[in-house]
């Protein structure tokens, strides 16, 4: 998932709960706004996750007395606003599973930037004999499937046997991509009159009777 630069800035901001003084946690927003269903207008919220916060502790009894069911409130602050508000939560676990990790946040953006740059290079990579963008997309399990498929289709056109080792050493989660890659590698090998040794996976001439690397007889 890609996050905006503004969102990354919010992750690094420091805010404190007016009820307990604890630093607010930066959390992913819920999928909808409980008030109007129109959304929050932001990717993150600042939330007080201190279970000892007076607002959180005292709200349990207030909800029980007024509405007859178990619920409480967490203090939340929308990025860019000066004052926050109390948001109803149904359990102590609310928001605890969606805390934004700043390092993971940055890593996700960096990965997205690499994917975007690689896609932009696909149109000229064959002419420039540039294998890097093709390998970047094929080996990125988080990249869009359509981008990875497009990269796979360029394996034969690039005609670079150097792609084989990194691909063979990669564990594919997407079996469809893996199958497509294997088909294209087979075509690449045949076009270059070579084959892979089934024992050591080194490349030898297609007509070889014995692998020069491990001695395996074909």
N, C-alpha and C. Protein backbone atom coordinates (compact mmCIF):
# COMPACT_ATOMS: atom_id res chain seq x y z
N UNK A 1 0.84 -1.19 0.00
CA UNK A 1 0.00 0.00 0.00
C UNK A 1 0.88 1.24 0.00
N UNK A 2 0.45 2.27 -0.78
CA UNK A 2 1.20 3.52 -0.83
C UNK A 2 0.55 4.55 0.09
N UNK A 3 1.38 5.30 0.78
CA UNK A 3 0.90 6.36 1.65
C UNK A 3 1.51 7.68 1.20
N UNK A 4 0.74 8.74 1.27
CA UNK A 4 1.20 10.04 0.82
C UNK A 4 2.31 10.57 1.70
N UNK A 5 3.09 11.55 1.14
CA UNK A 5 4.14 12.18 1.93
C UNK A 5 3.56 12.90 3.14
N UNK A 6 2.37 13.48 2.98
CA UNK A 6 1.73 14.16 4.10
C UNK A 6 1.41 13.18 5.21
N UNK A 7 0.97 11.99 4.82
CA UNK A 7 0.64 10.97 5.80
C UNK A 7 1.90 10.53 6.56
N UNK A 8 3.02 10.42 5.84
CA UNK A 8 4.28 10.06 6.48
C UNK A 8 4.68 11.13 7.49
N UNK A 9 4.40 12.38 7.17
CA UNK A 9 4.70 13.47 8.10
C UNK A 9 3.90 13.32 9.38
N UNK A 10 2.62 12.93 9.25
CA UNK A 10 1.77 12.77 10.42
C UNK A 10 2.30 11.67 11.35
N UNK A 11 2.83 10.61 10.75
CA UNK A 11 3.35 9.50 11.55
C UNK A 11 4.44 9.98 12.49
N UNK A 12 5.19 10.97 12.06
CA UNK A 12 6.32 11.44 12.86
C UNK A 12 5.93 12.57 13.81
N UNK A 13 4.68 13.05 13.76
CA UNK A 13 4.24 14.10 14.66
C UNK A 13 4.03 13.55 16.08
N UNK A 14 4.15 14.44 17.06
CA UNK A 14 3.97 14.05 18.46
C UNK A 14 2.79 14.84 19.03
N UNK A 15 1.80 14.10 19.55
CA UNK A 15 0.64 14.71 20.20
C UNK A 15 0.37 13.96 21.49
N UNK A 16 -0.25 14.65 22.46
CA UNK A 16 -0.50 14.03 23.75
C UNK A 16 -1.98 14.11 24.12
N UNK A 17 -2.42 13.13 24.87
CA UNK A 17 -3.82 13.10 25.31
C UNK A 17 -4.05 14.13 26.41
N UNK A 18 -5.07 14.98 26.29
CA UNK A 18 -5.33 15.98 27.33
C UNK A 18 -5.88 15.37 28.62
N UNK A 19 -6.31 14.12 28.57
CA UNK A 19 -6.89 13.47 29.76
C UNK A 19 -5.84 12.76 30.62
N UNK A 20 -4.78 12.25 29.97
CA UNK A 20 -3.79 11.50 30.74
C UNK A 20 -2.36 11.93 30.47
N UNK A 21 -2.15 12.71 29.41
CA UNK A 21 -0.81 13.19 29.10
C UNK A 21 0.04 12.24 28.29
N UNK A 22 -0.49 11.02 28.02
CA UNK A 22 0.29 10.05 27.25
C UNK A 22 0.35 10.46 25.77
N UNK A 23 1.44 10.05 25.11
CA UNK A 23 1.58 10.33 23.68
C UNK A 23 0.53 9.54 22.90
N UNK A 24 -0.10 10.19 21.94
CA UNK A 24 -1.09 9.52 21.10
C UNK A 24 -0.41 8.61 20.08
N UNK A 25 -1.02 7.48 19.83
CA UNK A 25 -0.50 6.54 18.83
C UNK A 25 -1.09 6.89 17.47
N UNK A 26 -0.25 6.79 16.44
CA UNK A 26 -0.72 7.02 15.07
C UNK A 26 -1.28 5.70 14.55
N UNK A 27 -2.56 5.71 14.18
CA UNK A 27 -3.25 4.48 13.78
C UNK A 27 -3.92 4.65 12.41
N UNK A 28 -4.05 3.54 11.69
CA UNK A 28 -4.82 3.57 10.46
C UNK A 28 -6.28 3.88 10.81
N UNK A 29 -6.95 4.62 9.96
CA UNK A 29 -8.35 4.96 10.21
C UNK A 29 -9.25 3.75 9.98
N UNK A 30 -10.39 3.71 10.68
CA UNK A 30 -11.39 2.66 10.40
C UNK A 30 -11.89 2.82 8.97
N UNK A 31 -12.48 1.77 8.38
CA UNK A 31 -12.93 1.84 6.99
C UNK A 31 -14.05 2.83 6.75
N UNK A 32 -14.77 3.23 7.80
CA UNK A 32 -15.82 4.23 7.63
C UNK A 32 -15.96 5.05 8.89
N UNK A 33 -16.56 6.18 8.76
CA UNK A 33 -16.79 7.08 9.90
C UNK A 33 -18.10 6.68 10.56
N UNK A 34 -18.04 6.37 11.85
CA UNK A 34 -19.24 5.92 12.54
C UNK A 34 -20.31 7.00 12.62
N UNK A 35 -19.90 8.26 12.45
CA UNK A 35 -20.87 9.34 12.57
C UNK A 35 -21.73 9.53 11.34
N UNK A 36 -21.09 9.56 10.16
CA UNK A 36 -21.86 9.86 8.97
C UNK A 36 -21.62 8.91 7.81
N UNK A 37 -20.69 7.97 7.98
CA UNK A 37 -20.43 7.00 6.92
C UNK A 37 -19.69 7.57 5.73
N UNK A 38 -19.22 8.80 5.83
CA UNK A 38 -18.58 9.45 4.69
C UNK A 38 -17.06 9.32 4.70
N UNK A 39 -16.51 8.73 5.73
CA UNK A 39 -15.06 8.60 5.79
C UNK A 39 -14.43 9.71 6.63
N UNK A 40 -13.16 9.53 6.94
CA UNK A 40 -12.47 10.46 7.83
C UNK A 40 -11.76 11.57 7.05
N UNK A 41 -11.47 11.34 5.78
CA UNK A 41 -10.72 12.33 5.02
C UNK A 41 -9.24 12.29 5.32
N UNK A 42 -8.78 11.23 5.97
CA UNK A 42 -7.36 11.06 6.29
C UNK A 42 -7.06 9.57 6.39
N UNK A 43 -5.80 9.22 6.17
CA UNK A 43 -5.40 7.82 6.23
C UNK A 43 -5.07 7.37 7.65
N UNK A 44 -4.83 8.34 8.54
CA UNK A 44 -4.44 7.99 9.91
C UNK A 44 -5.18 8.86 10.91
N UNK A 45 -5.21 8.39 12.14
CA UNK A 45 -5.75 9.14 13.28
C UNK A 45 -4.75 9.03 14.43
N UNK A 46 -4.73 10.03 15.29
CA UNK A 46 -3.96 9.93 16.52
C UNK A 46 -4.91 9.47 17.63
N UNK A 47 -4.55 8.39 18.33
CA UNK A 47 -5.45 7.77 19.30
C UNK A 47 -4.72 7.54 20.62
N UNK A 48 -5.39 7.83 21.72
CA UNK A 48 -4.84 7.50 23.04
C UNK A 48 -5.16 6.04 23.34
N UNK A 49 -4.13 5.22 23.43
CA UNK A 49 -4.32 3.80 23.70
C UNK A 49 -3.90 3.43 25.13
N UNK A 50 -3.84 4.44 25.98
CA UNK A 50 -3.52 4.20 27.38
C UNK A 50 -4.76 3.66 28.11
N UNK A 51 -4.68 2.41 28.56
CA UNK A 51 -5.83 1.80 29.25
C UNK A 51 -6.09 2.41 30.62
N UNK A 52 -5.15 3.20 31.11
CA UNK A 52 -5.33 3.87 32.39
C UNK A 52 -5.82 5.31 32.22
N UNK A 53 -6.06 5.71 31.00
CA UNK A 53 -6.54 7.07 30.74
C UNK A 53 -7.90 7.27 31.42
N UNK A 54 -8.11 8.36 32.18
CA UNK A 54 -9.38 8.60 32.86
C UNK A 54 -10.59 8.56 31.93
N UNK A 55 -10.43 9.08 30.71
CA UNK A 55 -11.54 9.07 29.76
C UNK A 55 -11.94 7.62 29.46
N UNK A 56 -10.96 6.78 29.21
CA UNK A 56 -11.23 5.38 28.87
C UNK A 56 -11.78 4.62 30.07
N UNK A 57 -11.18 4.83 31.23
CA UNK A 57 -11.59 4.11 32.44
C UNK A 57 -13.01 4.48 32.87
N UNK A 58 -13.31 5.75 32.91
CA UNK A 58 -14.60 6.21 33.42
C UNK A 58 -15.76 5.99 32.45
N UNK A 59 -15.45 5.92 31.16
CA UNK A 59 -16.53 5.80 30.17
C UNK A 59 -17.22 4.45 30.22
N UNK A 60 -16.56 3.41 30.71
CA UNK A 60 -17.19 2.11 30.79
C UNK A 60 -18.47 2.17 31.63
N UNK A 61 -18.34 2.75 32.80
CA UNK A 61 -19.49 2.84 33.71
C UNK A 61 -20.58 3.75 33.14
N UNK A 62 -20.19 4.84 32.50
CA UNK A 62 -21.16 5.76 31.93
C UNK A 62 -21.99 5.10 30.83
N UNK A 63 -21.34 4.32 29.98
CA UNK A 63 -22.07 3.63 28.91
C UNK A 63 -22.99 2.56 29.49
N UNK A 64 -22.52 1.88 30.53
CA UNK A 64 -23.33 0.85 31.15
C UNK A 64 -24.59 1.45 31.77
N UNK A 65 -24.44 2.57 32.46
CA UNK A 65 -25.57 3.20 33.13
C UNK A 65 -26.55 3.83 32.14
N UNK A 66 -26.04 4.45 31.09
CA UNK A 66 -26.90 5.16 30.15
C UNK A 66 -27.52 4.26 29.08
N UNK A 67 -26.72 3.32 28.59
CA UNK A 67 -27.17 2.55 27.43
C UNK A 67 -27.30 1.05 27.68
N UNK A 68 -26.80 0.60 28.83
CA UNK A 68 -26.95 -0.80 29.17
C UNK A 68 -26.08 -1.77 28.38
N UNK A 69 -25.00 -1.30 27.81
CA UNK A 69 -24.10 -2.23 27.13
C UNK A 69 -22.64 -1.82 27.36
N UNK A 70 -21.73 -2.76 27.13
CA UNK A 70 -20.31 -2.52 27.41
C UNK A 70 -19.67 -1.73 26.27
N UNK A 71 -19.14 -0.58 26.60
CA UNK A 71 -18.43 0.26 25.64
C UNK A 71 -17.67 1.33 26.42
N UNK A 72 -16.75 1.98 25.75
CA UNK A 72 -16.01 3.06 26.38
C UNK A 72 -15.62 4.07 25.30
N UNK A 73 -14.71 4.97 25.64
CA UNK A 73 -14.27 5.99 24.68
C UNK A 73 -12.75 6.09 24.68
N UNK A 74 -12.20 6.32 23.51
CA UNK A 74 -10.80 6.65 23.35
C UNK A 74 -10.72 8.09 22.85
N UNK A 75 -9.71 8.81 23.29
CA UNK A 75 -9.51 10.16 22.77
C UNK A 75 -8.83 10.06 21.42
N UNK A 76 -9.39 10.74 20.41
CA UNK A 76 -8.80 10.73 19.07
C UNK A 76 -8.58 12.15 18.58
N UNK A 77 -7.59 12.30 17.73
CA UNK A 77 -7.29 13.60 17.14
C UNK A 77 -7.08 13.39 15.64
N UNK A 78 -7.83 14.12 14.83
CA UNK A 78 -7.68 14.05 13.38
C UNK A 78 -6.49 14.92 12.98
N UNK A 79 -5.58 14.42 12.14
CA UNK A 79 -4.43 15.22 11.72
C UNK A 79 -4.85 16.58 11.17
N UNK A 80 -4.12 17.60 11.61
CA UNK A 80 -4.41 18.94 11.13
C UNK A 80 -5.38 19.72 12.00
N UNK A 81 -6.04 19.03 12.93
CA UNK A 81 -6.98 19.71 13.82
C UNK A 81 -6.33 19.97 15.18
N UNK A 82 -6.76 21.03 15.83
CA UNK A 82 -6.17 21.41 17.12
C UNK A 82 -6.80 20.68 18.29
N UNK A 83 -8.08 20.37 18.17
CA UNK A 83 -8.78 19.70 19.27
C UNK A 83 -9.31 18.35 18.82
N UNK A 84 -9.23 17.38 19.74
CA UNK A 84 -9.72 16.05 19.43
C UNK A 84 -11.10 15.83 20.01
N UNK A 85 -11.50 14.56 20.04
CA UNK A 85 -12.82 14.22 20.56
C UNK A 85 -12.80 12.81 21.10
N UNK A 86 -13.89 12.42 21.75
CA UNK A 86 -14.01 11.06 22.28
C UNK A 86 -14.70 10.18 21.25
N UNK A 87 -14.13 9.02 20.98
CA UNK A 87 -14.73 8.08 20.05
C UNK A 87 -15.09 6.80 20.77
N UNK A 88 -16.31 6.33 20.58
CA UNK A 88 -16.76 5.11 21.24
C UNK A 88 -16.00 3.90 20.71
N UNK A 89 -15.60 3.03 21.61
CA UNK A 89 -14.97 1.76 21.25
C UNK A 89 -15.66 0.64 22.01
N UNK A 90 -15.71 -0.51 21.40
CA UNK A 90 -16.45 -1.62 22.01
C UNK A 90 -15.57 -2.52 22.87
N UNK A 91 -14.25 -2.36 22.76
CA UNK A 91 -13.36 -3.22 23.55
C UNK A 91 -12.02 -2.54 23.76
N UNK A 92 -11.22 -3.13 24.64
CA UNK A 92 -9.89 -2.60 24.91
C UNK A 92 -8.97 -2.76 23.70
N UNK A 93 -9.30 -3.71 22.83
CA UNK A 93 -8.44 -4.00 21.69
C UNK A 93 -8.63 -3.04 20.53
N UNK A 94 -9.67 -2.21 20.58
CA UNK A 94 -9.95 -1.29 19.48
C UNK A 94 -8.73 -0.42 19.17
N UNK A 95 -8.35 -0.36 17.93
CA UNK A 95 -7.22 0.42 17.40
C UNK A 95 -5.86 -0.19 17.70
N UNK A 96 -5.78 -1.14 18.64
CA UNK A 96 -4.46 -1.66 19.00
C UNK A 96 -3.84 -2.48 17.87
N UNK A 97 -4.67 -2.98 16.97
CA UNK A 97 -4.14 -3.78 15.86
C UNK A 97 -3.84 -2.97 14.61
N UNK A 98 -4.02 -1.66 14.68
CA UNK A 98 -3.79 -0.86 13.48
C UNK A 98 -2.83 0.30 13.74
N UNK A 99 -1.94 0.11 14.71
CA UNK A 99 -0.91 1.13 14.97
C UNK A 99 0.06 1.17 13.80
N UNK A 100 0.37 2.35 13.34
CA UNK A 100 1.29 2.51 12.22
C UNK A 100 2.73 2.45 12.71
N UNK A 101 3.49 1.51 12.14
CA UNK A 101 4.91 1.41 12.44
C UNK A 101 5.65 2.35 11.48
N UNK A 102 6.31 3.41 11.98
CA UNK A 102 6.97 4.37 11.09
C UNK A 102 7.96 3.72 10.13
N UNK A 103 8.72 2.73 10.60
CA UNK A 103 9.71 2.09 9.72
C UNK A 103 9.02 1.29 8.64
N UNK A 104 7.97 0.56 9.01
CA UNK A 104 7.21 -0.20 8.02
C UNK A 104 6.52 0.74 7.04
N UNK A 105 6.08 1.86 7.57
CA UNK A 105 5.42 2.89 6.77
C UNK A 105 6.37 3.39 5.68
N UNK A 106 7.60 3.72 6.07
CA UNK A 106 8.60 4.20 5.13
C UNK A 106 8.97 3.11 4.13
N UNK A 107 9.10 1.88 4.63
CA UNK A 107 9.47 0.77 3.76
C UNK A 107 8.42 0.53 2.68
N UNK A 108 7.14 0.66 3.07
CA UNK A 108 6.06 0.46 2.11
C UNK A 108 6.12 1.51 1.01
N UNK A 109 6.41 2.74 1.37
CA UNK A 109 6.51 3.81 0.38
C UNK A 109 7.72 3.62 -0.53
N UNK A 110 8.82 3.16 0.06
CA UNK A 110 10.02 2.93 -0.74
C UNK A 110 9.80 1.79 -1.73
N UNK A 111 9.10 0.74 -1.27
CA UNK A 111 8.82 -0.38 -2.18
C UNK A 111 7.93 0.07 -3.33
N UNK A 112 6.92 0.88 -3.00
CA UNK A 112 6.01 1.38 -4.03
C UNK A 112 6.78 2.25 -5.04
N UNK A 113 7.72 3.06 -4.55
CA UNK A 113 8.51 3.92 -5.44
C UNK A 113 9.36 3.08 -6.38
N UNK A 114 9.93 1.97 -5.87
CA UNK A 114 10.74 1.09 -6.73
C UNK A 114 9.87 0.45 -7.80
N UNK A 115 8.66 0.01 -7.41
CA UNK A 115 7.75 -0.59 -8.39
C UNK A 115 7.38 0.42 -9.46
N UNK A 116 7.04 1.63 -9.05
CA UNK A 116 6.64 2.67 -9.99
C UNK A 116 7.77 2.98 -10.97
N UNK A 117 9.00 3.08 -10.46
CA UNK A 117 10.15 3.38 -11.31
C UNK A 117 10.42 2.24 -12.30
N UNK A 118 10.28 1.00 -11.81
CA UNK A 118 10.52 -0.16 -12.67
C UNK A 118 9.49 -0.23 -13.80
N UNK A 119 8.24 0.03 -13.48
CA UNK A 119 7.18 0.02 -14.51
C UNK A 119 7.47 1.06 -15.58
N UNK A 120 7.95 2.23 -15.17
CA UNK A 120 8.25 3.31 -16.11
C UNK A 120 9.39 2.93 -17.06
N UNK A 121 10.25 2.00 -16.65
CA UNK A 121 11.41 1.61 -17.46
C UNK A 121 11.12 0.45 -18.40
N UNK A 122 9.97 -0.19 -18.25
CA UNK A 122 9.69 -1.39 -19.05
C UNK A 122 9.66 -1.09 -20.55
N UNK A 123 9.16 0.06 -20.93
CA UNK A 123 9.03 0.37 -22.36
C UNK A 123 10.37 0.44 -23.08
N UNK A 124 11.42 0.78 -22.36
CA UNK A 124 12.72 0.95 -23.00
C UNK A 124 13.77 -0.06 -22.54
N UNK A 125 13.41 -0.97 -21.66
CA UNK A 125 14.43 -1.85 -21.07
C UNK A 125 15.05 -2.81 -22.09
N UNK A 126 14.28 -3.27 -23.08
CA UNK A 126 14.83 -4.18 -24.08
C UNK A 126 15.83 -3.45 -24.96
N UNK A 127 15.44 -2.27 -25.41
CA UNK A 127 16.34 -1.45 -26.24
C UNK A 127 17.62 -1.11 -25.49
N UNK A 128 17.49 -0.84 -24.20
CA UNK A 128 18.65 -0.46 -23.39
C UNK A 128 19.35 -1.66 -22.78
N UNK A 129 18.82 -2.85 -23.03
CA UNK A 129 19.37 -4.09 -22.46
C UNK A 129 19.49 -3.98 -20.94
N UNK A 130 18.41 -3.51 -20.35
CA UNK A 130 18.37 -3.26 -18.91
C UNK A 130 17.47 -4.30 -18.24
N UNK A 131 18.07 -5.26 -17.59
CA UNK A 131 17.33 -6.35 -16.94
C UNK A 131 16.74 -5.93 -15.59
N UNK A 132 17.28 -4.91 -14.96
CA UNK A 132 16.91 -4.55 -13.60
C UNK A 132 15.41 -4.35 -13.37
N UNK A 133 14.72 -3.53 -14.19
CA UNK A 133 13.29 -3.32 -13.91
C UNK A 133 12.47 -4.58 -14.03
N UNK A 134 12.85 -5.47 -14.94
CA UNK A 134 12.13 -6.74 -15.11
C UNK A 134 12.28 -7.61 -13.87
N UNK A 135 13.51 -7.73 -13.38
CA UNK A 135 13.73 -8.53 -12.17
C UNK A 135 13.09 -7.89 -10.95
N UNK A 136 13.13 -6.57 -10.88
CA UNK A 136 12.52 -5.88 -9.74
C UNK A 136 11.05 -6.24 -9.61
N UNK A 137 10.33 -6.24 -10.72
CA UNK A 137 8.89 -6.52 -10.69
C UNK A 137 8.61 -8.01 -10.51
N UNK A 138 9.36 -8.86 -11.18
CA UNK A 138 9.12 -10.30 -11.06
C UNK A 138 9.35 -10.78 -9.63
N UNK A 139 10.35 -10.24 -8.97
CA UNK A 139 10.72 -10.71 -7.64
C UNK A 139 10.00 -9.97 -6.51
N UNK A 140 9.18 -8.99 -6.86
CA UNK A 140 8.44 -8.24 -5.84
C UNK A 140 7.05 -8.83 -5.68
N UNK A 141 6.85 -9.58 -4.61
CA UNK A 141 5.56 -10.24 -4.39
C UNK A 141 4.44 -9.26 -4.07
N UNK A 142 4.78 -8.02 -3.75
CA UNK A 142 3.77 -7.02 -3.44
C UNK A 142 3.39 -6.16 -4.65
N UNK A 143 4.13 -6.31 -5.74
CA UNK A 143 3.83 -5.52 -6.94
C UNK A 143 2.52 -6.00 -7.56
N UNK A 144 1.88 -5.11 -8.32
CA UNK A 144 0.63 -5.47 -8.98
C UNK A 144 0.86 -6.61 -9.96
N UNK A 145 -0.08 -7.53 -10.01
CA UNK A 145 0.05 -8.72 -10.85
C UNK A 145 0.23 -8.33 -12.31
N UNK A 146 -0.53 -7.33 -12.78
CA UNK A 146 -0.42 -6.94 -14.19
C UNK A 146 0.97 -6.41 -14.52
N UNK A 147 1.62 -5.74 -13.57
CA UNK A 147 2.97 -5.25 -13.79
C UNK A 147 3.96 -6.42 -13.84
N UNK A 148 3.77 -7.40 -12.98
CA UNK A 148 4.66 -8.56 -12.94
C UNK A 148 4.51 -9.38 -14.21
N UNK A 149 3.28 -9.54 -14.69
CA UNK A 149 3.06 -10.30 -15.93
C UNK A 149 3.71 -9.61 -17.13
N UNK A 150 3.61 -8.31 -17.14
CA UNK A 150 4.23 -7.56 -18.23
C UNK A 150 5.74 -7.74 -18.22
N UNK A 151 6.32 -7.76 -17.02
CA UNK A 151 7.76 -7.97 -16.90
C UNK A 151 8.15 -9.37 -17.36
N UNK A 152 7.35 -10.36 -17.00
CA UNK A 152 7.64 -11.74 -17.41
C UNK A 152 7.68 -11.86 -18.93
N UNK A 153 6.79 -11.15 -19.60
CA UNK A 153 6.72 -11.22 -21.07
C UNK A 153 7.97 -10.67 -21.75
N UNK A 154 8.81 -9.96 -21.01
CA UNK A 154 10.01 -9.37 -21.59
C UNK A 154 11.26 -10.22 -21.38
N UNK A 155 11.13 -11.33 -20.68
CA UNK A 155 12.30 -12.18 -20.39
C UNK A 155 12.98 -12.64 -21.67
N UNK A 156 12.21 -13.18 -22.60
CA UNK A 156 12.77 -13.71 -23.84
C UNK A 156 13.34 -12.58 -24.69
N UNK A 157 12.64 -11.47 -24.77
CA UNK A 157 13.10 -10.34 -25.59
C UNK A 157 14.44 -9.79 -25.08
N UNK A 158 14.62 -9.77 -23.77
CA UNK A 158 15.88 -9.29 -23.20
C UNK A 158 17.03 -10.25 -23.48
N UNK A 159 16.70 -11.53 -23.54
CA UNK A 159 17.67 -12.57 -23.89
C UNK A 159 18.92 -12.50 -23.01
N UNK A 160 18.71 -12.40 -21.71
CA UNK A 160 19.81 -12.28 -20.76
C UNK A 160 19.72 -13.45 -19.77
N UNK A 161 20.66 -14.38 -19.88
CA UNK A 161 20.64 -15.55 -19.01
C UNK A 161 20.92 -15.20 -17.54
N UNK A 162 21.37 -13.98 -17.29
CA UNK A 162 21.66 -13.56 -15.92
C UNK A 162 20.40 -13.49 -15.07
N UNK A 163 19.22 -13.51 -15.71
CA UNK A 163 17.98 -13.44 -14.94
C UNK A 163 17.64 -14.76 -14.25
N UNK A 164 18.25 -15.84 -14.70
CA UNK A 164 17.84 -17.17 -14.24
C UNK A 164 18.17 -17.40 -12.77
N UNK A 165 19.40 -17.11 -12.35
CA UNK A 165 19.80 -17.39 -10.97
C UNK A 165 18.92 -16.67 -9.94
N UNK A 166 18.72 -15.35 -10.04
CA UNK A 166 17.86 -14.69 -9.04
C UNK A 166 16.43 -15.20 -9.05
N UNK A 167 15.94 -15.57 -10.22
CA UNK A 167 14.57 -16.09 -10.30
C UNK A 167 14.48 -17.47 -9.66
N UNK A 168 15.46 -18.34 -9.94
CA UNK A 168 15.46 -19.68 -9.35
C UNK A 168 15.64 -19.64 -7.84
N UNK A 169 16.27 -18.62 -7.33
CA UNK A 169 16.49 -18.51 -5.88
C UNK A 169 15.37 -17.77 -5.17
N UNK A 170 14.32 -17.42 -5.91
CA UNK A 170 13.19 -16.71 -5.33
C UNK A 170 12.05 -17.67 -5.01
N UNK A 171 11.40 -17.46 -3.88
CA UNK A 171 10.23 -18.27 -3.51
C UNK A 171 8.97 -17.50 -3.90
N UNK A 172 8.29 -17.98 -4.92
CA UNK A 172 7.09 -17.31 -5.41
C UNK A 172 5.88 -17.67 -4.55
N UNK A 173 5.14 -16.65 -4.15
CA UNK A 173 3.86 -16.89 -3.47
C UNK A 173 2.73 -17.00 -4.49
N UNK A 174 2.89 -16.30 -5.59
CA UNK A 174 1.89 -16.32 -6.64
C UNK A 174 2.26 -17.43 -7.63
N UNK A 175 1.53 -18.54 -7.59
CA UNK A 175 1.87 -19.70 -8.43
C UNK A 175 1.66 -19.41 -9.92
N UNK A 176 0.72 -18.53 -10.24
CA UNK A 176 0.50 -18.19 -11.65
C UNK A 176 1.72 -17.50 -12.22
N UNK A 177 2.27 -16.54 -11.48
CA UNK A 177 3.48 -15.84 -11.93
C UNK A 177 4.63 -16.84 -12.06
N UNK A 178 4.75 -17.74 -11.10
CA UNK A 178 5.82 -18.73 -11.14
C UNK A 178 5.73 -19.59 -12.39
N UNK A 179 4.53 -20.04 -12.73
CA UNK A 179 4.34 -20.86 -13.93
C UNK A 179 4.69 -20.09 -15.20
N UNK A 180 4.27 -18.85 -15.27
CA UNK A 180 4.57 -18.02 -16.45
C UNK A 180 6.07 -17.80 -16.58
N UNK A 181 6.73 -17.58 -15.45
CA UNK A 181 8.18 -17.36 -15.46
C UNK A 181 8.90 -18.62 -15.96
N UNK A 182 8.48 -19.78 -15.48
CA UNK A 182 9.12 -21.04 -15.89
C UNK A 182 8.98 -21.26 -17.39
N UNK A 183 7.83 -20.93 -17.93
CA UNK A 183 7.61 -21.08 -19.38
C UNK A 183 8.57 -20.19 -20.17
N UNK A 184 8.70 -18.94 -19.72
CA UNK A 184 9.57 -18.00 -20.43
C UNK A 184 11.04 -18.37 -20.27
N UNK A 185 11.44 -18.90 -19.11
CA UNK A 185 12.83 -19.31 -18.94
C UNK A 185 13.15 -20.50 -19.84
N UNK A 186 12.21 -21.43 -19.97
CA UNK A 186 12.41 -22.56 -20.89
C UNK A 186 12.62 -22.07 -22.32
N UNK A 187 11.84 -21.07 -22.73
CA UNK A 187 12.00 -20.50 -24.06
C UNK A 187 13.35 -19.81 -24.20
N UNK A 188 13.76 -19.09 -23.15
CA UNK A 188 15.04 -18.40 -23.16
C UNK A 188 16.19 -19.39 -23.31
N UNK A 189 16.13 -20.49 -22.58
CA UNK A 189 17.18 -21.51 -22.65
C UNK A 189 17.25 -22.13 -24.05
N UNK A 190 16.11 -22.47 -24.62
CA UNK A 190 16.08 -23.09 -25.95
C UNK A 190 16.63 -22.13 -27.00
N UNK A 191 16.28 -20.86 -26.88
CA UNK A 191 16.76 -19.87 -27.85
C UNK A 191 18.28 -19.73 -27.83
N UNK A 192 18.88 -20.04 -26.68
CA UNK A 192 20.33 -19.92 -26.54
C UNK A 192 21.04 -21.27 -26.62
N UNK A 193 20.29 -22.31 -26.99
CA UNK A 193 20.84 -23.66 -27.16
C UNK A 193 21.55 -24.15 -25.90
N UNK A 194 20.93 -23.89 -24.74
CA UNK A 194 21.48 -24.36 -23.48
C UNK A 194 20.35 -24.99 -22.66
N UNK A 195 20.74 -25.61 -21.55
CA UNK A 195 19.76 -26.21 -20.64
C UNK A 195 20.30 -26.13 -19.23
N UNK A 196 19.40 -26.36 -18.26
CA UNK A 196 19.80 -26.37 -16.86
C UNK A 196 20.04 -27.80 -16.41
N UNK A 197 21.14 -28.02 -15.68
CA UNK A 197 21.38 -29.33 -15.09
C UNK A 197 20.35 -29.54 -13.98
N UNK A 198 19.61 -30.64 -14.00
CA UNK A 198 18.60 -30.87 -12.96
C UNK A 198 19.18 -31.10 -11.56
N UNK A 199 20.48 -31.40 -11.48
CA UNK A 199 21.10 -31.63 -10.18
C UNK A 199 21.68 -30.36 -9.57
N UNK A 200 22.51 -29.64 -10.33
CA UNK A 200 23.18 -28.46 -9.78
C UNK A 200 22.60 -27.15 -10.30
N UNK A 201 21.70 -27.24 -11.28
CA UNK A 201 21.02 -26.09 -11.86
C UNK A 201 21.95 -25.14 -12.61
N UNK A 202 23.19 -25.59 -12.87
CA UNK A 202 24.08 -24.78 -13.70
C UNK A 202 23.66 -24.92 -15.16
N UNK A 203 24.03 -23.94 -15.97
CA UNK A 203 23.65 -23.95 -17.37
C UNK A 203 24.76 -24.59 -18.20
N UNK A 204 24.36 -25.53 -19.04
CA UNK A 204 25.30 -26.22 -19.93
C UNK A 204 24.72 -26.21 -21.35
N UNK A 205 25.54 -26.61 -22.33
CA UNK A 205 25.06 -26.66 -23.70
C UNK A 205 23.92 -27.66 -23.84
N UNK A 206 23.00 -27.37 -24.72
CA UNK A 206 21.84 -28.24 -24.90
C UNK A 206 22.24 -29.64 -25.33
N UNK A 207 23.34 -29.76 -26.08
CA UNK A 207 23.76 -31.06 -26.59
C UNK A 207 24.67 -31.81 -25.63
N UNK A 208 24.98 -31.23 -24.49
CA UNK A 208 25.91 -31.86 -23.55
C UNK A 208 25.35 -33.17 -23.02
N UNK A 209 26.23 -34.14 -22.89
CA UNK A 209 25.86 -35.45 -22.35
C UNK A 209 26.21 -35.55 -20.87
N UNK A 210 27.15 -34.73 -20.42
CA UNK A 210 27.58 -34.73 -19.02
C UNK A 210 27.69 -33.28 -18.55
N UNK A 211 27.21 -33.02 -17.35
CA UNK A 211 27.32 -31.65 -16.80
C UNK A 211 28.77 -31.37 -16.43
N UNK A 212 29.32 -30.30 -16.97
CA UNK A 212 30.72 -29.96 -16.71
C UNK A 212 30.92 -29.43 -15.29
N UNK A 213 29.81 -29.14 -14.59
CA UNK A 213 29.91 -28.58 -13.26
C UNK A 213 29.85 -29.66 -12.16
N UNK A 214 28.96 -30.63 -12.34
CA UNK A 214 28.79 -31.64 -11.28
C UNK A 214 28.98 -33.07 -11.77
N UNK A 215 29.14 -33.26 -13.07
CA UNK A 215 29.39 -34.59 -13.60
C UNK A 215 28.12 -35.40 -13.85
N UNK A 216 26.97 -34.82 -13.68
CA UNK A 216 25.71 -35.53 -13.88
C UNK A 216 25.55 -35.90 -15.35
N UNK A 217 25.20 -37.18 -15.59
CA UNK A 217 25.00 -37.63 -16.96
C UNK A 217 23.55 -37.42 -17.37
N UNK A 218 23.35 -36.90 -18.58
CA UNK A 218 21.99 -36.65 -19.08
C UNK A 218 21.51 -37.84 -19.88
